[in-house]
Amino acid sequence: MKTKLSYCGELVRAHDPDRFLLSMFVPAQAREALWALFAFNHEIAKTREVVSEAQLGRIRLQWWRETLSSVYEGSAVPEHEVLKPLAAVIKAYDLPHAGLERLINAREFDLEDEPPETLEGLLIYADHTSTPLMEAAVRICGGDPALEPVQPVAINYALAGILRTLSRSEAGGRSMVPDELIRTGSKMQEWARTIAEEFLFNINAQNKFLKVSNKLSGLYMRQIKALGYDLAHPRMRLDPPFKVLRLALGL
């Protein structure tokens, strides 16, 4: 029987299970704050999926942008299942406004339904959609983002996620394969190999959340390599063997 969680906890457990799992490796007092942060990320990341046209998505993101600004200005927080706890987390952990706004701005790209032009463009997308979130998570977990290798860990995490869902994204009409790779005429396995070569395995992080995040993305990258970069392989839908145990070892 599952333990009943807060609204944000249930949302993250259902829609972002990997980050929910990662939250289990940090002190219990930080988990609720992480869930509020990750629930916010889910709300903005799903924008493309829940709107019928790009302009509606921009309106939705603008609502988040303006509402967050009002939170930082000290205005009354509207009743909202995610915004209310997020506002409390912003205050408790002094989360920078610029980082959360950067996450919102990054989701504007999703609405264009266009792949990145280059591999560098894909890395920039991974950076913008992942690094500010990781910085906030590190801060919540008691670390200083300025003293940790947050950006490479965040890009690793994003690249692993992009590769694991690339086959399904392509089938759904959304390509994240850079145009410059498509123009080579090579197959998806070659694209995947090229993207995977950007992954950095040897990152020395001290913050526990960063360490376990990079271990998880490393497990996924090793799985992708073991399957010959075949992103449509049926085992791509399965977790790496003994995932939780392997994450716990060495922490």
C-alpha atoms as a PDB file:
ATOM      1  CA  MET A   1       0.000   0.000   0.000  1.00  0.00           C
ATOM      2  CA  LYS A   2       1.447   3.362  -1.040  1.00  0.00           C
ATOM      3  CA  THR A   3       2.009   6.021   1.572  1.00  0.00           C
ATOM      4  CA  LYS A   4      -0.265   9.025   1.118  1.00  0.00           C
ATOM      5  CA  LEU A   5       1.805  12.043   0.181  1.00  0.00           C
ATOM      6  CA  SER A   6       1.188  15.732  -0.322  1.00  0.00           C
ATOM      7  CA  TYR A   7      -0.266  16.874  -3.636  1.00  0.00           C
ATOM      8  CA  CYS A   8       3.203  17.719  -4.962  1.00  0.00           C
ATOM      9  CA  GLY A   9       4.636  14.445  -3.703  1.00  0.00           C
ATOM     10  CA  GLU A  10       1.928  12.434  -5.445  1.00  0.00           C
ATOM     11  CA  LEU A  11       2.364  14.465  -8.633  1.00  0.00           C
ATOM     12  CA  VAL A  12       6.107  13.875  -8.760  1.00  0.00           C
ATOM     13  CA  ARG A  13       5.778  10.196  -7.874  1.00  0.00           C
ATOM     14  CA  ALA A  14       3.296   9.720 -10.726  1.00  0.00           C
ATOM     15  CA  HIS A  15       4.861  11.898 -13.424  1.00  0.00           C
ATOM     16  CA  ASP A  16       8.560  12.238 -12.573  1.00  0.00           C
ATOM     17  CA  PRO A  17       9.391   8.931 -10.874  1.00  0.00           C
ATOM     18  CA  ASP A  18      13.147   9.226 -11.317  1.00  0.00           C
ATOM     19  CA  ARG A  19      13.368  12.543  -9.497  1.00  0.00           C
ATOM     20  CA  PHE A  20      11.004  11.139  -6.872  1.00  0.00           C
ATOM     21  CA  LEU A  21      13.439   8.241  -6.424  1.00  0.00           C
ATOM     22  CA  LEU A  22      16.356  10.660  -6.149  1.00  0.00           C
ATOM     23  CA  SER A  23      14.527  12.531  -3.388  1.00  0.00           C
ATOM     24  CA  MET A  24      14.573   9.340  -1.317  1.00  0.00           C
ATOM     25  CA  PHE A  25      18.365   9.594  -1.060  1.00  0.00           C
ATOM     26  CA  VAL A  26      18.395  12.993   0.665  1.00  0.00           C
ATOM     27  CA  PRO A  27      17.424  13.904   4.244  1.00  0.00           C
ATOM     28  CA  ALA A  28      13.697  13.592   4.870  1.00  0.00           C
ATOM     29  CA  GLN A  29      13.346  17.256   5.813  1.00  0.00           C
ATOM     30  CA  ALA A  30      14.341  18.300   2.286  1.00  0.00           C
ATOM     31  CA  ARG A  31      11.947  16.031   0.401  1.00  0.00           C
ATOM     32  CA  GLU A  32       8.782  18.091   0.569  1.00  0.00           C
ATOM     33  CA  ALA A  33      10.645  21.120  -0.747  1.00  0.00           C
ATOM     34  CA  LEU A  34      12.123  19.068  -3.583  1.00  0.00           C
ATOM     35  CA  TRP A  35       8.674  17.769  -4.489  1.00  0.00           C
ATOM     36  CA  ALA A  36       7.319  21.311  -4.725  1.00  0.00           C
ATOM     37  CA  LEU A  37      10.231  22.272  -6.985  1.00  0.00           C
ATOM     38  CA  PHE A  38       9.859  19.198  -9.187  1.00  0.00           C
ATOM     39  CA  ALA A  39       6.077  19.619  -9.361  1.00  0.00           C
ATOM     40  CA  PHE A  40       6.635  23.153 -10.663  1.00  0.00           C
ATOM     41  CA  ASN A  41       9.051  21.784 -13.246  1.00  0.00           C
ATOM     42  CA  HIS A  42       6.479  19.203 -14.320  1.00  0.00           C
ATOM     43  CA  GLU A  43       3.811  21.885 -14.676  1.00  0.00           C
ATOM     44  CA  ILE A  44       5.876  23.984 -17.052  1.00  0.00           C
ATOM     45  CA  ALA A  45       7.477  21.036 -18.876  1.00  0.00           C
ATOM     46  CA  LYS A  46       4.110  19.530 -19.794  1.00  0.00           C
ATOM     47  CA  THR A  47       2.916  22.754 -21.440  1.00  0.00           C
ATOM     48  CA  ARG A  48       3.391  21.535 -24.999  1.00  0.00           C
ATOM     49  CA  GLU A  49       1.398  18.383 -24.240  1.00  0.00           C
ATOM     50  CA  VAL A  50      -1.627  20.128 -22.735  1.00  0.00           C
ATOM     51  CA  VAL A  51      -2.230  22.915 -25.254  1.00  0.00           C
ATOM     52  CA  SER A  52      -3.615  22.705 -28.772  1.00  0.00           C
ATOM     53  CA  GLU A  53      -1.553  25.564 -30.202  1.00  0.00           C
ATOM     54  CA  ALA A  54       1.668  27.387 -29.436  1.00  0.00           C
ATOM     55  CA  GLN A  55       0.035  30.676 -28.451  1.00  0.00           C
ATOM     56  CA  LEU A  56      -1.969  28.974 -25.716  1.00  0.00           C
ATOM     57  CA  GLY A  57       1.265  27.487 -24.427  1.00  0.00           C
ATOM     58  CA  ARG A  58       2.879  30.912 -24.332  1.00  0.00           C
ATOM     59  CA  ILE A  59      -0.089  32.246 -22.362  1.00  0.00           C
ATOM     60  CA  ARG A  60       0.259  29.379 -19.900  1.00  0.00           C
ATOM     61  CA  LEU A  61       3.984  29.994 -19.439  1.00  0.00           C
ATOM     62  CA  GLN A  62       3.372  33.724 -19.098  1.00  0.00           C
ATOM     63  CA  TRP A  63       0.940  33.027 -16.258  1.00  0.00           C
ATOM     64  CA  TRP A  64       3.684  31.163 -14.425  1.00  0.00           C
ATOM     65  CA  ARG A  65       6.196  33.902 -15.215  1.00  0.00           C
ATOM     66  CA  GLU A  66       3.983  36.696 -13.902  1.00  0.00           C
ATOM     67  CA  THR A  67       2.761  34.749 -10.895  1.00  0.00           C
ATOM     68  CA  LEU A  68       6.303  33.869  -9.857  1.00  0.00           C
ATOM     69  CA  SER A  69       7.280  37.521 -10.183  1.00  0.00           C
ATOM     70  CA  SER A  70       4.457  38.454  -7.839  1.00  0.00           C
ATOM     71  CA  VAL A  71       5.701  35.860  -5.332  1.00  0.00           C
ATOM     72  CA  TYR A  72       9.165  37.421  -5.346  1.00  0.00           C
ATOM     73  CA  GLU A  73       7.609  40.864  -4.989  1.00  0.00           C
ATOM     74  CA  GLY A  74       5.872  39.705  -1.818  1.00  0.00           C
ATOM     75  CA  SER A  75       2.311  39.731  -3.144  1.00  0.00           C
ATOM     76  CA  ALA A  76      -0.345  37.377  -1.841  1.00  0.00           C
ATOM     77  CA  VAL A  77       0.056  33.880  -3.272  1.00  0.00           C
ATOM     78  CA  PRO A  78      -2.974  32.581  -5.198  1.00  0.00           C
ATOM     79  CA  GLU A  79      -4.529  29.306  -4.093  1.00  0.00           C
ATOM     80  CA  HIS A  80      -2.813  26.734  -6.279  1.00  0.00           C
ATOM     81  CA  GLU A  81      -1.742  23.188  -5.402  1.00  0.00           C
ATOM     82  CA  VAL A  82       1.791  23.707  -6.719  1.00  0.00           C
ATOM     83  CA  LEU A  83       2.350  27.452  -6.499  1.00  0.00           C
ATOM     84  CA  LYS A  84       1.477  27.680  -2.798  1.00  0.00           C
ATOM     85  CA  PRO A  85       4.103  25.176  -1.595  1.00  0.00           C
ATOM     86  CA  LEU A  86       6.594  26.449  -4.172  1.00  0.00           C
ATOM     87  CA  ALA A  87       6.264  29.967  -2.782  1.00  0.00           C
ATOM     88  CA  ALA A  88       7.029  28.619   0.693  1.00  0.00           C
ATOM     89  CA  VAL A  89      10.114  26.829  -0.637  1.00  0.00           C
ATOM     90  CA  ILE A  90      11.313  29.960  -2.437  1.00  0.00           C
ATOM     91  CA  LYS A  91      11.148  31.864   0.832  1.00  0.00           C
ATOM     92  CA  ALA A  92      12.612  29.120   3.034  1.00  0.00           C
ATOM     93  CA  TYR A  93      15.598  28.393   0.797  1.00  0.00           C
ATOM     94  CA  ASP A  94      16.040  31.802  -0.827  1.00  0.00           C
ATOM     95  CA  LEU A  95      15.797  30.334  -4.319  1.00  0.00           C
ATOM     96  CA  PRO A  96      16.947  32.864  -6.938  1.00  0.00           C
ATOM     97  CA  HIS A  97      14.216  34.233  -9.182  1.00  0.00           C
ATOM     98  CA  ALA A  98      16.449  34.139 -12.255  1.00  0.00           C
ATOM     99  CA  GLY A  99      16.875  30.367 -12.115  1.00  0.00           C
ATOM    100  CA  LEU A 100      13.173  29.556 -12.012  1.00  0.00           C
ATOM    101  CA  GLU A 101      12.423  32.120 -14.704  1.00  0.00           C
ATOM    102  CA  ARG A 102      15.123  30.570 -16.873  1.00  0.00           C
ATOM    103  CA  LEU A 103      13.317  27.225 -16.606  1.00  0.00           C
ATOM    104  CA  ILE A 104      10.096  28.847 -17.804  1.00  0.00           C
ATOM    105  CA  ASN A 105      11.833  30.602 -20.684  1.00  0.00           C
ATOM    106  CA  ALA A 106      13.471  27.351 -21.782  1.00  0.00           C
ATOM    107  CA  ARG A 107      10.066  25.758 -22.289  1.00  0.00           C
ATOM    108  CA  GLU A 108       9.227  28.315 -24.966  1.00  0.00           C
ATOM    109  CA  PHE A 109      11.414  26.263 -27.297  1.00  0.00           C
ATOM    110  CA  ASP A 110       9.179  23.199 -26.836  1.00  0.00           C
ATOM    111  CA  LEU A 111       6.257  25.091 -28.348  1.00  0.00           C
ATOM    112  CA  GLU A 112       8.038  25.580 -31.662  1.00  0.00           C
ATOM    113  CA  ASP A 113       8.033  21.843 -32.473  1.00  0.00           C
ATOM    114  CA  GLU A 114      11.406  22.272 -34.140  1.00  0.00           C
ATOM    115  CA  PRO A 115      14.521  20.220 -33.387  1.00  0.00           C
ATOM    116  CA  PRO A 116      17.757  21.949 -32.402  1.00  0.00           C
ATOM    117  CA  GLU A 117      19.841  23.033 -35.384  1.00  0.00           C
ATOM    118  CA  THR A 118      23.077  21.585 -34.057  1.00  0.00           C
ATOM    119  CA  LEU A 119      24.437  19.276 -31.382  1.00  0.00           C
ATOM    120  CA  GLU A 120      25.593  22.385 -29.557  1.00  0.00           C
ATOM    121  CA  GLY A 121      21.996  23.611 -29.679  1.00  0.00           C
ATOM    122  CA  LEU A 122      20.843  20.372 -28.051  1.00  0.00           C
ATOM    123  CA  LEU A 123      23.404  20.823 -25.275  1.00  0.00           C
ATOM    124  CA  ILE A 124      22.187  24.390 -24.732  1.00  0.00           C
ATOM    125  CA  TYR A 125      18.606  23.107 -24.486  1.00  0.00           C
ATOM    126  CA  ALA A 126      19.719  20.449 -21.982  1.00  0.00           C
ATOM    127  CA  ASP A 127      21.518  23.120 -19.977  1.00  0.00           C
ATOM    128  CA  HIS A 128      18.626  25.582 -19.880  1.00  0.00           C
ATOM    129  CA  THR A 129      15.969  22.994 -18.997  1.00  0.00           C
ATOM    130  CA  SER A 130      18.020  21.157 -16.385  1.00  0.00           C
ATOM    131  CA  THR A 131      20.776  23.236 -14.782  1.00  0.00           C
ATOM    132  CA  PRO A 132      18.583  25.816 -12.986  1.00  0.00           C
ATOM    133  CA  LEU A 133      16.453  22.984 -11.574  1.00  0.00           C
ATOM    134  CA  MET A 134      19.542  21.134 -10.350  1.00  0.00           C
ATOM    135  CA  GLU A 135      20.950  24.328  -8.824  1.00  0.00           C
ATOM    136  CA  ALA A 136      17.756  24.851  -6.836  1.00  0.00           C
ATOM    137  CA  ALA A 137      17.728  21.200  -5.718  1.00  0.00           C
ATOM    138  CA  VAL A 138      21.329  21.447  -4.511  1.00  0.00           C
ATOM    139  CA  ARG A 139      20.457  24.578  -2.553  1.00  0.00           C
ATOM    140  CA  ILE A 140      17.475  22.824  -0.941  1.00  0.00           C
ATOM    141  CA  CYS A 141      19.744  19.924   0.012  1.00  0.00           C
ATOM    142  CA  GLY A 142      22.133  22.235   1.832  1.00  0.00           C
ATOM    143  CA  GLY A 143      24.771  22.661  -0.853  1.00  0.00           C
ATOM    144  CA  ASP A 144      26.232  25.667  -2.599  1.00  0.00           C
ATOM    145  CA  PRO A 145      25.688  25.426  -6.375  1.00  0.00           C
ATOM    146  CA  ALA A 146      28.692  27.680  -6.960  1.00  0.00           C
ATOM    147  CA  LEU A 147      30.979  25.088  -5.349  1.00  0.00           C
ATOM    148  CA  GLU A 148      29.601  22.036  -7.140  1.00  0.00           C
ATOM    149  CA  PRO A 149      29.764  20.759 -10.757  1.00  0.00           C
ATOM    150  CA  VAL A 150      26.053  21.383 -11.211  1.00  0.00           C
ATOM    151  CA  GLN A 151      26.028  22.167 -14.927  1.00  0.00           C
ATOM    152  CA  PRO A 152      27.742  18.983 -16.213  1.00  0.00           C
ATOM    153  CA  VAL A 153      25.631  16.793 -13.920  1.00  0.00           C
ATOM    154  CA  ALA A 154      22.471  18.558 -15.080  1.00  0.00           C
ATOM    155  CA  ILE A 155      23.376  18.234 -18.761  1.00  0.00           C
ATOM    156  CA  ASN A 156      24.187  14.548 -18.238  1.00  0.00           C
ATOM    157  CA  TYR A 157      20.789  14.023 -16.633  1.00  0.00           C
ATOM    158  CA  ALA A 158      18.985  15.807 -19.447  1.00  0.00           C
ATOM    159  CA  LEU A 159      20.878  13.963 -22.195  1.00  0.00           C
ATOM    160  CA  ALA A 160      20.098  10.587 -20.629  1.00  0.00           C
ATOM    161  CA  GLY A 161      16.425  11.522 -20.459  1.00  0.00           C
ATOM    162  CA  ILE A 162      16.350  12.780 -24.043  1.00  0.00           C
ATOM    163  CA  LEU A 163      17.964   9.604 -25.364  1.00  0.00           C
ATOM    164  CA  ARG A 164      15.714   7.279 -23.366  1.00  0.00           C
ATOM    165  CA  THR A 165      12.594   8.935 -24.753  1.00  0.00           C
ATOM    166  CA  LEU A 166      13.899   9.785 -28.227  1.00  0.00           C
ATOM    167  CA  SER A 167      12.261   6.853 -29.998  1.00  0.00           C
ATOM    168  CA  ARG A 168       8.859   7.637 -28.462  1.00  0.00           C
ATOM    169  CA  SER A 169       9.266  11.363 -29.139  1.00  0.00           C
ATOM    170  CA  GLU A 170      10.012  10.665 -32.797  1.00  0.00           C
ATOM    171  CA  ALA A 171       6.945   8.424 -33.052  1.00  0.00           C
ATOM    172  CA  GLY A 172       4.851  11.190 -31.491  1.00  0.00           C
ATOM    173  CA  GLY A 173       5.999  13.756 -34.030  1.00  0.00           C
ATOM    174  CA  ARG A 174       8.513  15.589 -31.824  1.00  0.00           C
ATOM    175  CA  SER A 175      12.144  15.258 -32.819  1.00  0.00           C
ATOM    176  CA  MET A 176      15.011  16.273 -30.578  1.00  0.00           C
ATOM    177  CA  VAL A 177      17.628  15.047 -33.045  1.00  0.00           C
ATOM    178  CA  PRO A 178      19.704  18.028 -34.220  1.00  0.00           C
ATOM    179  CA  ASP A 179      19.218  18.932 -37.883  1.00  0.00           C
ATOM    180  CA  GLU A 180      22.946  18.633 -38.526  1.00  0.00           C
ATOM    181  CA  LEU A 181      22.802  14.940 -37.556  1.00  0.00           C
ATOM    182  CA  ILE A 182      19.700  14.284 -39.655  1.00  0.00           C
ATOM    183  CA  ARG A 183      21.391  15.818 -42.697  1.00  0.00           C
ATOM    184  CA  THR A 184      24.148  13.208 -42.492  1.00  0.00           C
ATOM    185  CA  GLY A 185      21.583  10.597 -43.534  1.00  0.00           C
ATOM    186  CA  SER A 186      22.673   8.279 -40.729  1.00  0.00           C
ATOM    187  CA  LYS A 187      20.303   6.159 -38.641  1.00  0.00           C
ATOM    188  CA  MET A 188      18.985   6.772 -35.146  1.00  0.00           C
ATOM    189  CA  GLN A 189      21.631   4.509 -33.602  1.00  0.00           C
ATOM    190  CA  GLU A 190      24.362   6.730 -35.041  1.00  0.00           C
ATOM    191  CA  TRP A 191      22.534   9.822 -33.790  1.00  0.00           C
ATOM    192  CA  ALA A 192      22.265   8.283 -30.334  1.00  0.00           C
ATOM    193  CA  ARG A 193      25.953   7.367 -30.285  1.00  0.00           C
ATOM    194  CA  THR A 194      26.945  10.909 -31.271  1.00  0.00           C
ATOM    195  CA  ILE A 195      24.763  12.456 -28.561  1.00  0.00           C
ATOM    196  CA  ALA A 196      25.953   9.930 -25.959  1.00  0.00           C
ATOM    197  CA  GLU A 197      29.567  10.903 -26.637  1.00  0.00           C
ATOM    198  CA  GLU A 198      28.787  14.233 -24.938  1.00  0.00           C
ATOM    199  CA  PHE A 199      28.108  12.425 -21.643  1.00  0.00           C
ATOM    200  CA  LEU A 200      30.722  12.955 -18.912  1.00  0.00           C
ATOM    201  CA  PHE A 201      31.115  10.007 -16.545  1.00  0.00           C
ATOM    202  CA  ASN A 202      33.915  11.203 -14.264  1.00  0.00           C
ATOM    203  CA  ILE A 203      32.382  14.098 -12.368  1.00  0.00           C
ATOM    204  CA  ASN A 204      33.444  14.630  -8.764  1.00  0.00           C
ATOM    205  CA  ALA A 205      30.374  15.940  -6.939  1.00  0.00           C
ATOM    206  CA  GLN A 206      30.177  16.225  -3.153  1.00  0.00           C
ATOM    207  CA  ASN A 207      26.508  17.109  -2.739  1.00  0.00           C
ATOM    208  CA  LYS A 208      24.536  13.896  -2.245  1.00  0.00           C
ATOM    209  CA  PHE A 209      21.710  14.881  -4.572  1.00  0.00           C
ATOM    210  CA  LEU A 210      24.196  15.656  -7.342  1.00  0.00           C
ATOM    211  CA  LYS A 211      26.066  12.397  -6.785  1.00  0.00           C
ATOM    212  CA  VAL A 212      22.984  10.208  -6.966  1.00  0.00           C
ATOM    213  CA  SER A 213      21.622  12.162  -9.954  1.00  0.00           C
ATOM    214  CA  ASN A 214      24.794  11.549 -11.923  1.00  0.00           C
ATOM    215  CA  LYS A 215      24.880   7.894 -10.878  1.00  0.00           C
ATOM    216  CA  LEU A 216      21.358   7.454 -12.223  1.00  0.00           C
ATOM    217  CA  SER A 217      22.068   9.094 -15.567  1.00  0.00           C
ATOM    218  CA  GLY A 218      25.266   7.035 -15.776  1.00  0.00           C
ATOM    219  CA  LEU A 219      23.268   3.825 -15.282  1.00  0.00           C
ATOM    220  CA  TYR A 220      20.982   4.846 -18.123  1.00  0.00           C
ATOM    221  CA  MET A 221      23.863   5.725 -20.429  1.00  0.00           C
ATOM    222  CA  ARG A 222      25.540   2.378 -19.773  1.00  0.00           C
ATOM    223  CA  GLN A 223      22.251   0.651 -20.549  1.00  0.00           C
ATOM    224  CA  ILE A 224      21.959   2.581 -23.822  1.00  0.00           C
ATOM    225  CA  LYS A 225      25.507   1.604 -24.767  1.00  0.00           C
ATOM    226  CA  ALA A 226      24.898  -2.052 -23.813  1.00  0.00           C
ATOM    227  CA  LEU A 227      21.886  -2.116 -26.143  1.00  0.00           C
ATOM    228  CA  GLY A 228      24.016  -0.904 -29.024  1.00  0.00           C
ATOM    229  CA  TYR A 229      22.402   2.552 -28.966  1.00  0.00           C
ATOM    230  CA  ASP A 230      19.188   0.946 -30.238  1.00  0.00           C
ATOM    231  CA  LEU A 231      16.704   3.357 -28.668  1.00  0.00           C
ATOM    232  CA  ALA A 232      13.741   1.342 -29.951  1.00  0.00           C
ATOM    233  CA  HIS A 233      14.917  -1.820 -28.189  1.00  0.00           C
ATOM    234  CA  PRO A 234      12.157  -3.244 -25.918  1.00  0.00           C
ATOM    235  CA  ARG A 235      14.551  -3.239 -22.956  1.00  0.00           C
ATOM    236  CA  MET A 236      14.837   0.536 -23.224  1.00  0.00           C
ATOM    237  CA  ARG A 237      11.463   0.697 -21.495  1.00  0.00           C
ATOM    238  CA  LEU A 238      12.831  -1.284 -18.551  1.00  0.00           C
ATOM    239  CA  ASP A 239      14.945  -0.010 -15.686  1.00  0.00           C
ATOM    240  CA  PRO A 240      18.591  -1.059 -15.537  1.00  0.00           C
ATOM    241  CA  PRO A 241      18.944  -4.197 -13.369  1.00  0.00           C
ATOM    242  CA  PHE A 242      19.129  -3.523  -9.610  1.00  0.00           C
ATOM    243  CA  LYS A 243      18.767   0.206 -10.227  1.00  0.00           C
ATOM    244  CA  VAL A 244      17.976   1.246  -6.662  1.00  0.00           C
ATOM    245  CA  LEU A 245      20.678  -0.959  -5.129  1.00  0.00           C
ATOM    246  CA  ARG A 246      23.285   0.318  -7.566  1.00  0.00           C
ATOM    247  CA  LEU A 247      22.332   3.903  -6.774  1.00  0.00           C
ATOM    248  CA  ALA A 248      22.679   3.273  -3.053  1.00  0.00           C
ATOM    249  CA  LEU A 249      26.122   1.672  -3.286  1.00  0.00           C
ATOM    250  CA  GLY A 250      28.963   4.053  -2.652  1.00  0.00           C
ATOM    251  CA  LEU A 251      26.889   7.022  -1.493  1.00  0.00           C
END
